[in-house]
Amino acid sequence: MGNPLNVLKCGSCEGLKASVHGTALGLAVIMGVYNAAAWLRRREQHLAVNAVLYAALTAWERRHVAHHLELIRRRREADPTPSTGATPNRPVAINIAA
């Protein structure tokens, strides 16, 4: 493998990575809540096991999202000027001549 994908490098495509893990986090929460509610209703053992596994997955994915957001925050602190040339927290003035 001569040229690894850029997305596999630490610090690269962190927004995409956070989005993917955020999606997995959302699904884990929904599936965990469903399985917990189903277990409360039917008391089937596999539903309890699923609820516990999805709770663990929720914690795991939450950690991943936090990690990627932290890398994004660090990068913004290191380079506070956006690539558009605008200063932080100030709107860009647009001159529209008619």
PDB file of N, CA and C in Angstrom:
ATOM      1  N   MET A   1       0.846  -1.163   0.000  1.00  0.00           N
ATOM      2  CA  MET A   1       0.000   0.000   0.000  1.00  0.00           C
ATOM      3  C   MET A   1       0.892   1.226   0.000  1.00  0.00           C
ATOM      4  N   GLY A   2       1.127   1.791  -1.159  1.00  0.00           N
ATOM      5  CA  GLY A   2       2.033   2.919  -1.285  1.00  0.00           C
ATOM      6  C   GLY A   2       1.483   4.220  -0.771  1.00  0.00           C
ATOM      7  N   ASN A   3       0.274   4.585  -1.162  1.00  0.00           N
ATOM      8  CA  ASN A   3      -0.325   5.841  -0.753  1.00  0.00           C
ATOM      9  C   ASN A   3      -1.550   5.576   0.108  1.00  0.00           C
ATOM     10  N   PRO A   4      -1.407   5.692   1.441  1.00  0.00           N
ATOM     11  CA  PRO A   4      -2.586   5.480   2.284  1.00  0.00           C
ATOM     12  C   PRO A   4      -3.588   6.614   2.084  1.00  0.00           C
ATOM     13  N   LEU A   5      -4.837   6.325   2.312  1.00  0.00           N
ATOM     14  CA  LEU A   5      -5.876   7.335   2.190  1.00  0.00           C
ATOM     15  C   LEU A   5      -5.638   8.457   3.194  1.00  0.00           C
ATOM     16  N   ASN A   6      -5.871   9.681   2.764  1.00  0.00           N
ATOM     17  CA  ASN A   6      -5.657  10.838   3.617  1.00  0.00           C
ATOM     18  C   ASN A   6      -6.543  10.795   4.864  1.00  0.00           C
ATOM     19  N   VAL A   7      -7.738  10.228   4.743  1.00  0.00           N
ATOM     20  CA  VAL A   7      -8.675  10.174   5.862  1.00  0.00           C
ATOM     21  C   VAL A   7      -8.141   9.309   7.007  1.00  0.00           C
ATOM     22  N   LEU A   8      -7.211   8.426   6.728  1.00  0.00           N
ATOM     23  CA  LEU A   8      -6.666   7.537   7.752  1.00  0.00           C
ATOM     24  C   LEU A   8      -5.609   8.210   8.619  1.00  0.00           C
ATOM     25  N   LYS A   9      -5.137   9.371   8.214  1.00  0.00           N
ATOM     26  CA  LYS A   9      -4.110  10.077   8.978  1.00  0.00           C
ATOM     27  C   LYS A   9      -4.740  10.837  10.133  1.00  0.00           C
ATOM     28  N   CYS A  10      -4.070  10.819  11.277  1.00  0.00           N
ATOM     29  CA  CYS A  10      -4.526  11.564  12.449  1.00  0.00           C
ATOM     30  C   CYS A  10      -4.460  13.052  12.148  1.00  0.00           C
ATOM     31  N   GLY A  11      -5.533  13.774  12.447  1.00  0.00           N
ATOM     32  CA  GLY A  11      -5.573  15.203  12.201  1.00  0.00           C
ATOM     33  C   GLY A  11      -6.126  15.579  10.846  1.00  0.00           C
ATOM     34  N   SER A  12      -6.442  14.597  10.041  1.00  0.00           N
ATOM     35  CA  SER A  12      -6.965  14.843   8.705  1.00  0.00           C
ATOM     36  C   SER A  12      -8.439  14.440   8.649  1.00  0.00           C
ATOM     37  N   CYS A  13      -9.256  15.268   8.030  1.00  0.00           N
ATOM     38  CA  CYS A  13     -10.690  14.978   7.835  1.00  0.00           C
ATOM     39  C   CYS A  13     -11.407  14.751   9.162  1.00  0.00           C
ATOM     40  N   GLU A  14     -11.042  15.502  10.178  1.00  0.00           N
ATOM     41  CA  GLU A  14     -11.616  15.284  11.506  1.00  0.00           C
ATOM     42  C   GLU A  14     -13.114  15.575  11.547  1.00  0.00           C
ATOM     43  N   GLY A  15     -13.580  16.518  10.761  1.00  0.00           N
ATOM     44  CA  GLY A  15     -15.014  16.795  10.705  1.00  0.00           C
ATOM     45  C   GLY A  15     -15.800  15.609  10.169  1.00  0.00           C
ATOM     46  N   LEU A  16     -15.268  14.980   9.138  1.00  0.00           N
ATOM     47  CA  LEU A  16     -15.906  13.787   8.571  1.00  0.00           C
ATOM     48  C   LEU A  16     -15.910  12.646   9.578  1.00  0.00           C
ATOM     49  N   LYS A  17     -14.784  12.444  10.238  1.00  0.00           N
ATOM     50  CA  LYS A  17     -14.691  11.376  11.230  1.00  0.00           C
ATOM     51  C   LYS A  17     -15.653  11.609  12.391  1.00  0.00           C
ATOM     52  N   ALA A  18     -15.743  12.856  12.859  1.00  0.00           N
ATOM     53  CA  ALA A  18     -16.670  13.178  13.942  1.00  0.00           C
ATOM     54  C   ALA A  18     -18.105  12.939  13.503  1.00  0.00           C
ATOM     55  N   SER A  19     -18.418  13.247  12.247  1.00  0.00           N
ATOM     56  CA  SER A  19     -19.770  13.026  11.727  1.00  0.00           C
ATOM     57  C   SER A  19     -20.119  11.548  11.662  1.00  0.00           C
ATOM     58  N   VAL A  20     -19.182  10.742  11.207  1.00  0.00           N
ATOM     59  CA  VAL A  20     -19.422   9.295  11.115  1.00  0.00           C
ATOM     60  C   VAL A  20     -19.637   8.712  12.509  1.00  0.00           C
ATOM     61  N   HIS A  21     -18.778   9.071  13.448  1.00  0.00           N
ATOM     62  CA  HIS A  21     -18.929   8.561  14.811  1.00  0.00           C
ATOM     63  C   HIS A  21     -20.174   9.144  15.487  1.00  0.00           C
ATOM     64  N   GLY A  22     -20.535  10.381  15.146  1.00  0.00           N
ATOM     65  CA  GLY A  22     -21.756  10.972  15.673  1.00  0.00           C
ATOM     66  C   GLY A  22     -22.990  10.232  15.195  1.00  0.00           C
ATOM     67  N   THR A  23     -22.972   9.817  13.939  1.00  0.00           N
ATOM     68  CA  THR A  23     -24.074   9.022  13.395  1.00  0.00           C
ATOM     69  C   THR A  23     -24.166   7.683  14.116  1.00  0.00           C
ATOM     70  N   ALA A  24     -23.026   7.037  14.306  1.00  0.00           N
ATOM     71  CA  ALA A  24     -23.007   5.762  15.032  1.00  0.00           C
ATOM     72  C   ALA A  24     -23.484   5.958  16.469  1.00  0.00           C
ATOM     73  N   LEU A  25     -23.112   7.086  17.085  1.00  0.00           N
ATOM     74  CA  LEU A  25     -23.555   7.396  18.439  1.00  0.00           C
ATOM     75  C   LEU A  25     -25.074   7.529  18.486  1.00  0.00           C
ATOM     76  N   GLY A  26     -25.629   8.268  17.550  1.00  0.00           N
ATOM     77  CA  GLY A  26     -27.074   8.438  17.512  1.00  0.00           C
ATOM     78  C   GLY A  26     -27.808   7.119  17.339  1.00  0.00           C
ATOM     79  N   LEU A  27     -27.308   6.275  16.447  1.00  0.00           N
ATOM     80  CA  LEU A  27     -27.929   4.963  16.238  1.00  0.00           C
ATOM     81  C   LEU A  27     -27.817   4.089  17.480  1.00  0.00           C
ATOM     82  N   ALA A  28     -26.670   4.123  18.142  1.00  0.00           N
ATOM     83  CA  ALA A  28     -26.484   3.321  19.356  1.00  0.00           C
ATOM     84  C   ALA A  28     -27.454   3.753  20.448  1.00  0.00           C
ATOM     85  N   VAL A  29     -27.668   5.060  20.575  1.00  0.00           N
ATOM     86  CA  VAL A  29     -28.613   5.560  21.577  1.00  0.00           C
ATOM     87  C   VAL A  29     -30.021   5.086  21.256  1.00  0.00           C
ATOM     88  N   ILE A  30     -30.434   5.249  20.007  1.00  0.00           N
ATOM     89  CA  ILE A  30     -31.786   4.836  19.608  1.00  0.00           C
ATOM     90  C   ILE A  30     -31.985   3.342  19.818  1.00  0.00           C
ATOM     91  N   MET A  31     -31.026   2.538  19.384  1.00  0.00           N
ATOM     92  CA  MET A  31     -31.169   1.087  19.523  1.00  0.00           C
ATOM     93  C   MET A  31     -31.119   0.660  20.984  1.00  0.00           C
ATOM     94  N   GLY A  32     -30.294   1.347  21.785  1.00  0.00           N
ATOM     95  CA  GLY A  32     -30.237   1.031  23.205  1.00  0.00           C
ATOM     96  C   GLY A  32     -31.536   1.353  23.915  1.00  0.00           C
ATOM     97  N   VAL A  33     -32.113   2.505  23.605  1.00  0.00           N
ATOM     98  CA  VAL A  33     -33.393   2.884  24.215  1.00  0.00           C
ATOM     99  C   VAL A  33     -34.486   1.902  23.799  1.00  0.00           C
ATOM    100  N   TYR A  34     -34.500   1.541  22.514  1.00  0.00           N
ATOM    101  CA  TYR A  34     -35.498   0.574  22.045  1.00  0.00           C
ATOM    102  C   TYR A  34     -35.369  -0.755  22.784  1.00  0.00           C
ATOM    103  N   ASN A  35     -34.154  -1.274  22.867  1.00  0.00           N
ATOM    104  CA  ASN A  35     -33.953  -2.566  23.518  1.00  0.00           C
ATOM    105  C   ASN A  35     -34.263  -2.511  25.008  1.00  0.00           C
ATOM    106  N   ALA A  36     -33.937  -1.415  25.658  1.00  0.00           N
ATOM    107  CA  ALA A  36     -34.267  -1.273  27.082  1.00  0.00           C
ATOM    108  C   ALA A  36     -35.783  -1.234  27.277  1.00  0.00           C
ATOM    109  N   ALA A  37     -36.472  -0.477  26.416  1.00  0.00           N
ATOM    110  CA  ALA A  37     -37.933  -0.396  26.518  1.00  0.00           C
ATOM    111  C   ALA A  37     -38.574  -1.750  26.216  1.00  0.00           C
ATOM    112  N   ALA A  38     -38.050  -2.440  25.209  1.00  0.00           N
ATOM    113  CA  ALA A  38     -38.593  -3.760  24.868  1.00  0.00           C
ATOM    114  C   ALA A  38     -38.342  -4.749  26.003  1.00  0.00           C
ATOM    115  N   TRP A  39     -37.176  -4.651  26.652  1.00  0.00           N
ATOM    116  CA  TRP A  39     -36.891  -5.550  27.774  1.00  0.00           C
ATOM    117  C   TRP A  39     -37.840  -5.274  28.940  1.00  0.00           C
ATOM    118  N   LEU A  40     -38.113  -3.995  29.202  1.00  0.00           N
ATOM    119  CA  LEU A  40     -39.045  -3.661  30.279  1.00  0.00           C
ATOM    120  C   LEU A  40     -40.444  -4.212  30.002  1.00  0.00           C
ATOM    121  N   ARG A  41     -40.795  -4.296  28.754  1.00  0.00           N
ATOM    122  CA  ARG A  41     -42.123  -4.787  28.367  1.00  0.00           C
ATOM    123  C   ARG A  41     -42.181  -6.314  28.325  1.00  0.00           C
ATOM    124  N   ARG A  42     -41.158  -6.958  27.725  1.00  0.00           N
ATOM    125  CA  ARG A  42     -41.216  -8.400  27.475  1.00  0.00           C
ATOM    126  C   ARG A  42     -40.310  -9.241  28.371  1.00  0.00           C
ATOM    127  N   ARG A  43     -39.319  -8.638  29.005  1.00  0.00           N
ATOM    128  CA  ARG A  43     -38.380  -9.327  29.909  1.00  0.00           C
ATOM    129  C   ARG A  43     -37.660 -10.513  29.247  1.00  0.00           C
ATOM    130  N   GLU A  44     -37.287 -10.335  27.987  1.00  0.00           N
ATOM    131  CA  GLU A  44     -36.512 -11.374  27.298  1.00  0.00           C
ATOM    132  C   GLU A  44     -35.026 -11.061  27.493  1.00  0.00           C
ATOM    133  N   GLN A  45     -34.258 -12.097  27.815  1.00  0.00           N
ATOM    134  CA  GLN A  45     -32.862 -11.908  28.196  1.00  0.00           C
ATOM    135  C   GLN A  45     -32.036 -11.246  27.095  1.00  0.00           C
ATOM    136  N   HIS A  46     -32.256 -11.609  25.846  1.00  0.00           N
ATOM    137  CA  HIS A  46     -31.431 -11.041  24.782  1.00  0.00           C
ATOM    138  C   HIS A  46     -31.650  -9.531  24.645  1.00  0.00           C
ATOM    139  N   LEU A  47     -32.828  -9.037  25.006  1.00  0.00           N
ATOM    140  CA  LEU A  47     -33.081  -7.600  24.948  1.00  0.00           C
ATOM    141  C   LEU A  47     -32.278  -6.859  26.018  1.00  0.00           C
ATOM    142  N   ALA A  48     -32.151  -7.459  27.183  1.00  0.00           N
ATOM    143  CA  ALA A  48     -31.330  -6.863  28.244  1.00  0.00           C
ATOM    144  C   ALA A  48     -29.868  -6.840  27.832  1.00  0.00           C
ATOM    145  N   VAL A  49     -29.403  -7.936  27.246  1.00  0.00           N
ATOM    146  CA  VAL A  49     -28.008  -7.994  26.782  1.00  0.00           C
ATOM    147  C   VAL A  49     -27.775  -6.937  25.714  1.00  0.00           C
ATOM    148  N   ASN A  50     -28.714  -6.821  24.774  1.00  0.00           N
ATOM    149  CA  ASN A  50     -28.588  -5.807  23.723  1.00  0.00           C
ATOM    150  C   ASN A  50     -28.542  -4.410  24.314  1.00  0.00           C
ATOM    151  N   ALA A  51     -29.402  -4.126  25.285  1.00  0.00           N
ATOM    152  CA  ALA A  51     -29.434  -2.801  25.903  1.00  0.00           C
ATOM    153  C   ALA A  51     -28.094  -2.472  26.562  1.00  0.00           C
ATOM    154  N   VAL A  52     -27.515  -3.442  27.237  1.00  0.00           N
ATOM    155  CA  VAL A  52     -26.212  -3.222  27.879  1.00  0.00           C
ATOM    156  C   VAL A  52     -25.121  -3.016  26.831  1.00  0.00           C
ATOM    157  N   LEU A  53     -25.137  -3.807  25.774  1.00  0.00           N
ATOM    158  CA  LEU A  53     -24.137  -3.656  24.712  1.00  0.00           C
ATOM    159  C   LEU A  53     -24.256  -2.297  24.022  1.00  0.00           C
ATOM    160  N   TYR A  54     -25.485  -1.866  23.764  1.00  0.00           N
ATOM    161  CA  TYR A  54     -25.668  -0.556  23.134  1.00  0.00           C
ATOM    162  C   TYR A  54     -25.284   0.578  24.074  1.00  0.00           C
ATOM    163  N   ALA A  55     -25.453   0.396  25.366  1.00  0.00           N
ATOM    164  CA  ALA A  55     -24.999   1.400  26.330  1.00  0.00           C
ATOM    165  C   ALA A  55     -23.475   1.513  26.292  1.00  0.00           C
ATOM    166  N   ALA A  56     -22.798   0.380  26.209  1.00  0.00           N
ATOM    167  CA  ALA A  56     -21.333   0.391  26.108  1.00  0.00           C
ATOM    168  C   ALA A  56     -20.890   1.029  24.793  1.00  0.00           C
ATOM    169  N   LEU A  57     -21.584   0.701  23.713  1.00  0.00           N
ATOM    170  CA  LEU A  57     -21.259   1.294  22.421  1.00  0.00           C
ATOM    171  C   LEU A  57     -21.489   2.801  22.437  1.00  0.00           C
ATOM    172  N   THR A  58     -22.525   3.240  23.128  1.00  0.00           N
ATOM    173  CA  THR A  58     -22.791   4.676  23.255  1.00  0.00           C
ATOM    174  C   THR A  58     -21.617   5.378  23.930  1.00  0.00           C
ATOM    175  N   ALA A  59     -21.132   4.811  25.009  1.00  0.00           N
ATOM    176  CA  ALA A  59     -19.977   5.399  25.707  1.00  0.00           C
ATOM    177  C   ALA A  59     -18.739   5.406  24.808  1.00  0.00           C
ATOM    178  N   TRP A  60     -18.536   4.324  24.072  1.00  0.00           N
ATOM    179  CA  TRP A  60     -17.387   4.195  23.167  1.00  0.00           C
ATOM    180  C   TRP A  60     -17.448   5.266  22.076  1.00  0.00           C
ATOM    181  N   GLU A  61     -18.588   5.398  21.426  1.00  0.00           N
ATOM    182  CA  GLU A  61     -18.724   6.356  20.335  1.00  0.00           C
ATOM    183  C   GLU A  61     -18.679   7.797  20.846  1.00  0.00           C
ATOM    184  N   ARG A  62     -19.207   8.039  22.028  1.00  0.00           N
ATOM    185  CA  ARG A  62     -19.141   9.376  22.612  1.00  0.00           C
ATOM    186  C   ARG A  62     -17.684   9.798  22.794  1.00  0.00           C
ATOM    187  N   ARG A  63     -16.874   8.864  23.212  1.00  0.00           N
ATOM    188  CA  ARG A  63     -15.445   9.148  23.394  1.00  0.00           C
ATOM    189  C   ARG A  63     -14.774   9.472  22.058  1.00  0.00           C
ATOM    190  N   HIS A  64     -15.143   8.723  21.016  1.00  0.00           N
ATOM    191  CA  HIS A  64     -14.582   8.982  19.685  1.00  0.00           C
ATOM    192  C   HIS A  64     -14.989  10.363  19.174  1.00  0.00           C
ATOM    193  N   VAL A  65     -16.245  10.715  19.314  1.00  0.00           N
ATOM    194  CA  VAL A  65     -16.708  12.029  18.862  1.00  0.00           C
ATOM    195  C   VAL A  65     -15.959  13.130  19.615  1.00  0.00           C
ATOM    196  N   ALA A  66     -15.836  12.984  20.929  1.00  0.00           N
ATOM    197  CA  ALA A  66     -15.127  13.981  21.738  1.00  0.00           C
ATOM    198  C   ALA A  66     -13.671  14.117  21.284  1.00  0.00           C
ATOM    199  N   HIS A  67     -13.040  13.006  20.964  1.00  0.00           N
ATOM    200  CA  HIS A  67     -11.649  13.021  20.501  1.00  0.00           C
ATOM    201  C   HIS A  67     -11.515  13.820  19.204  1.00  0.00           C
ATOM    202  N   HIS A  68     -12.383  13.547  18.241  1.00  0.00           N
ATOM    203  CA  HIS A  68     -12.298  14.240  16.958  1.00  0.00           C
ATOM    204  C   HIS A  68     -12.638  15.725  17.105  1.00  0.00           C
ATOM    205  N   LEU A  69     -13.604  16.058  17.939  1.00  0.00           N
ATOM    206  CA  LEU A  69     -13.935  17.463  18.166  1.00  0.00           C
ATOM    207  C   LEU A  69     -12.794  18.190  18.866  1.00  0.00           C
ATOM    208  N   GLU A  70     -12.103  17.506  19.752  1.00  0.00           N
ATOM    209  CA  GLU A  70     -10.944  18.100  20.419  1.00  0.00           C
ATOM    210  C   GLU A  70      -9.836  18.408  19.414  1.00  0.00           C
ATOM    211  N   LEU A  71      -9.598  17.511  18.471  1.00  0.00           N
ATOM    212  CA  LEU A  71      -8.580  17.768  17.449  1.00  0.00           C
ATOM    213  C   LEU A  71      -8.971  18.961  16.577  1.00  0.00           C
ATOM    214  N   ILE A  72     -10.263  19.083  16.264  1.00  0.00           N
ATOM    215  CA  ILE A  72     -10.732  20.231  15.489  1.00  0.00           C
ATOM    216  C   ILE A  72     -10.509  21.515  16.284  1.00  0.00           C
ATOM    217  N   ARG A  73     -10.850  21.494  17.577  1.00  0.00           N
ATOM    218  CA  ARG A  73     -10.680  22.669  18.430  1.00  0.00           C
ATOM    219  C   ARG A  73      -9.210  23.081  18.517  1.00  0.00           C
ATOM    220  N   ARG A  74      -8.333  22.110  18.691  1.00  0.00           N
ATOM    221  CA  ARG A  74      -6.892  22.406  18.767  1.00  0.00           C
ATOM    222  C   ARG A  74      -6.388  23.045  17.482  1.00  0.00           C
ATOM    223  N   ARG A  75      -6.851  22.523  16.352  1.00  0.00           N
ATOM    224  CA  ARG A  75      -6.416  23.071  15.065  1.00  0.00           C
ATOM    225  C   ARG A  75      -6.896  24.512  14.921  1.00  0.00           C
ATOM    226  N   ARG A  76      -8.134  24.795  15.345  1.00  0.00           N
ATOM    227  CA  ARG A  76      -8.658  26.161  15.251  1.00  0.00           C
ATOM    228  C   ARG A  76      -7.891  27.109  16.172  1.00  0.00           C
ATOM    229  N   GLU A  77      -7.513  26.632  17.345  1.00  0.00           N
ATOM    230  CA  GLU A  77      -6.737  27.477  18.259  1.00  0.00           C
ATOM    231  C   GLU A  77      -5.343  27.746  17.716  1.00  0.00           C
ATOM    232  N   ALA A  78      -4.773  26.771  17.033  1.00  0.00           N
ATOM    233  CA  ALA A  78      -3.429  26.940  16.475  1.00  0.00           C
ATOM    234  C   ALA A  78      -3.445  27.895  15.283  1.00  0.00           C
ATOM    235  N   ASP A  79      -4.524  27.897  14.487  1.00  0.00           N
ATOM    236  CA  ASP A  79      -4.650  28.758  13.318  1.00  0.00           C
ATOM    237  C   ASP A  79      -6.014  29.448  13.363  1.00  0.00           C
ATOM    238  N   PRO A  80      -6.119  30.584  14.092  1.00  0.00           N
ATOM    239  CA  PRO A  80      -7.422  31.211  14.295  1.00  0.00           C
ATOM    240  C   PRO A  80      -8.021  31.873  13.056  1.00  0.00           C
ATOM    241  N   THR A  81      -7.214  32.142  12.021  1.00  0.00           N
ATOM    242  CA  THR A  81      -7.769  32.779  10.832  1.00  0.00           C
ATOM    243  C   THR A  81      -8.289  31.737   9.855  1.00  0.00           C
ATOM    244  N   PRO A  82      -9.554  31.850   9.472  1.00  0.00           N
ATOM    245  CA  PRO A  82     -10.104  30.916   8.495  1.00  0.00           C
ATOM    246  C   PRO A  82      -9.467  31.106   7.130  1.00  0.00           C
ATOM    247  N   SER A  83      -9.591  30.117   6.301  1.00  0.00           N
ATOM    248  CA  SER A  83      -8.970  30.158   4.981  1.00  0.00           C
ATOM    249  C   SER A  83      -9.625  31.193   4.072  1.00  0.00           C
ATOM    250  N   THR A  84     -10.789  31.739   4.427  1.00  0.00           N
ATOM    251  CA  THR A  84     -11.465  32.737   3.599  1.00  0.00           C
ATOM    252  C   THR A  84     -10.828  34.104   3.741  1.00  0.00           C
ATOM    253  N   GLY A  85      -9.952  34.260   4.725  1.00  0.00           N
ATOM    254  CA  GLY A  85      -9.312  35.539   4.942  1.00  0.00           C
ATOM    255  C   GLY A  85     -10.076  36.427   5.902  1.00  0.00           C
ATOM    256  N   ALA A  86     -11.216  35.974   6.378  1.00  0.00           N
ATOM    257  CA  ALA A  86     -12.008  36.755   7.324  1.00  0.00           C
ATOM    258  C   ALA A  86     -11.406  36.630   8.711  1.00  0.00           C
ATOM    259  N   THR A  87     -11.595  37.646   9.516  1.00  0.00           N
ATOM    260  CA  THR A  87     -11.131  37.569  10.890  1.00  0.00           C
ATOM    261  C   THR A  87     -12.169  36.812  11.709  1.00  0.00           C
ATOM    262  N   PRO A  88     -11.750  36.097  12.743  1.00  0.00           N
ATOM    263  CA  PRO A  88     -12.698  35.314  13.537  1.00  0.00           C
ATOM    264  C   PRO A  88     -13.768  36.194  14.176  1.00  0.00           C
ATOM    265  N   ASN A  89     -14.982  35.703  14.227  1.00  0.00           N
ATOM    266  CA  ASN A  89     -16.130  36.355  14.860  1.00  0.00           C
ATOM    267  C   ASN A  89     -16.533  37.668  14.186  1.00  0.00           C
ATOM    268  N   ARG A  90     -16.087  37.902  12.990  1.00  0.00           N
ATOM    269  CA  ARG A  90     -16.504  39.090  12.268  1.00  0.00           C
ATOM    270  C   ARG A  90     -17.037  38.674  10.911  1.00  0.00           C
ATOM    271  N   PRO A  91     -18.177  39.235  10.503  1.00  0.00           N
ATOM    272  CA  PRO A  91     -18.717  38.880   9.192  1.00  0.00           C
ATOM    273  C   PRO A  91     -17.863  39.455   8.073  1.00  0.00           C
ATOM    274  N   VAL A  92     -17.888  38.808   6.962  1.00  0.00           N
ATOM    275  CA  VAL A  92     -17.173  39.278   5.790  1.00  0.00           C
ATOM    276  C   VAL A  92     -18.059  40.273   5.063  1.00  0.00           C
ATOM    277  N   ALA A  93     -17.521  41.465   4.777  1.00  0.00           N
ATOM    278  CA  ALA A  93     -18.293  42.477   4.067  1.00  0.00           C
ATOM    279  C   ALA A  93     -18.326  42.139   2.588  1.00  0.00           C
ATOM    280  N   ILE A  94     -19.502  42.175   2.033  1.00  0.00           N
ATOM    281  CA  ILE A  94     -19.672  41.883   0.610  1.00  0.00           C
ATOM    282  C   ILE A  94     -20.187  43.137  -0.061  1.00  0.00           C
ATOM    283  N   ASN A  95     -19.478  43.618  -1.065  1.00  0.00           N
ATOM    284  CA  ASN A  95     -19.867  44.802  -1.786  1.00  0.00           C
ATOM    285  C   ASN A  95     -20.528  44.378  -3.084  1.00  0.00           C
ATOM    286  N   ILE A  96     -21.842  44.663  -3.199  1.00  0.00           N
ATOM    287  CA  ILE A  96     -22.578  44.298  -4.401  1.00  0.00           C
ATOM    288  C   ILE A  96     -22.868  45.586  -5.158  1.00  0.00           C
ATOM    289  N   ALA A  97     -22.233  45.750  -6.262  1.00  0.00           N
ATOM    290  CA  ALA A  97     -22.456  46.941  -7.086  1.00  0.00           C
ATOM    291  C   ALA A  97     -23.504  46.625  -8.140  1.00  0.00           C
ATOM    292  N   ALA A  98     -24.488  47.527  -8.247  1.00  0.00           N
ATOM    293  CA  ALA A  98     -25.569  47.285  -9.204  1.00  0.00           C
ATOM    294  C   ALA A  98     -25.253  47.921 -10.532  1.00  0.00           C
TER     295      ALA A  98
END
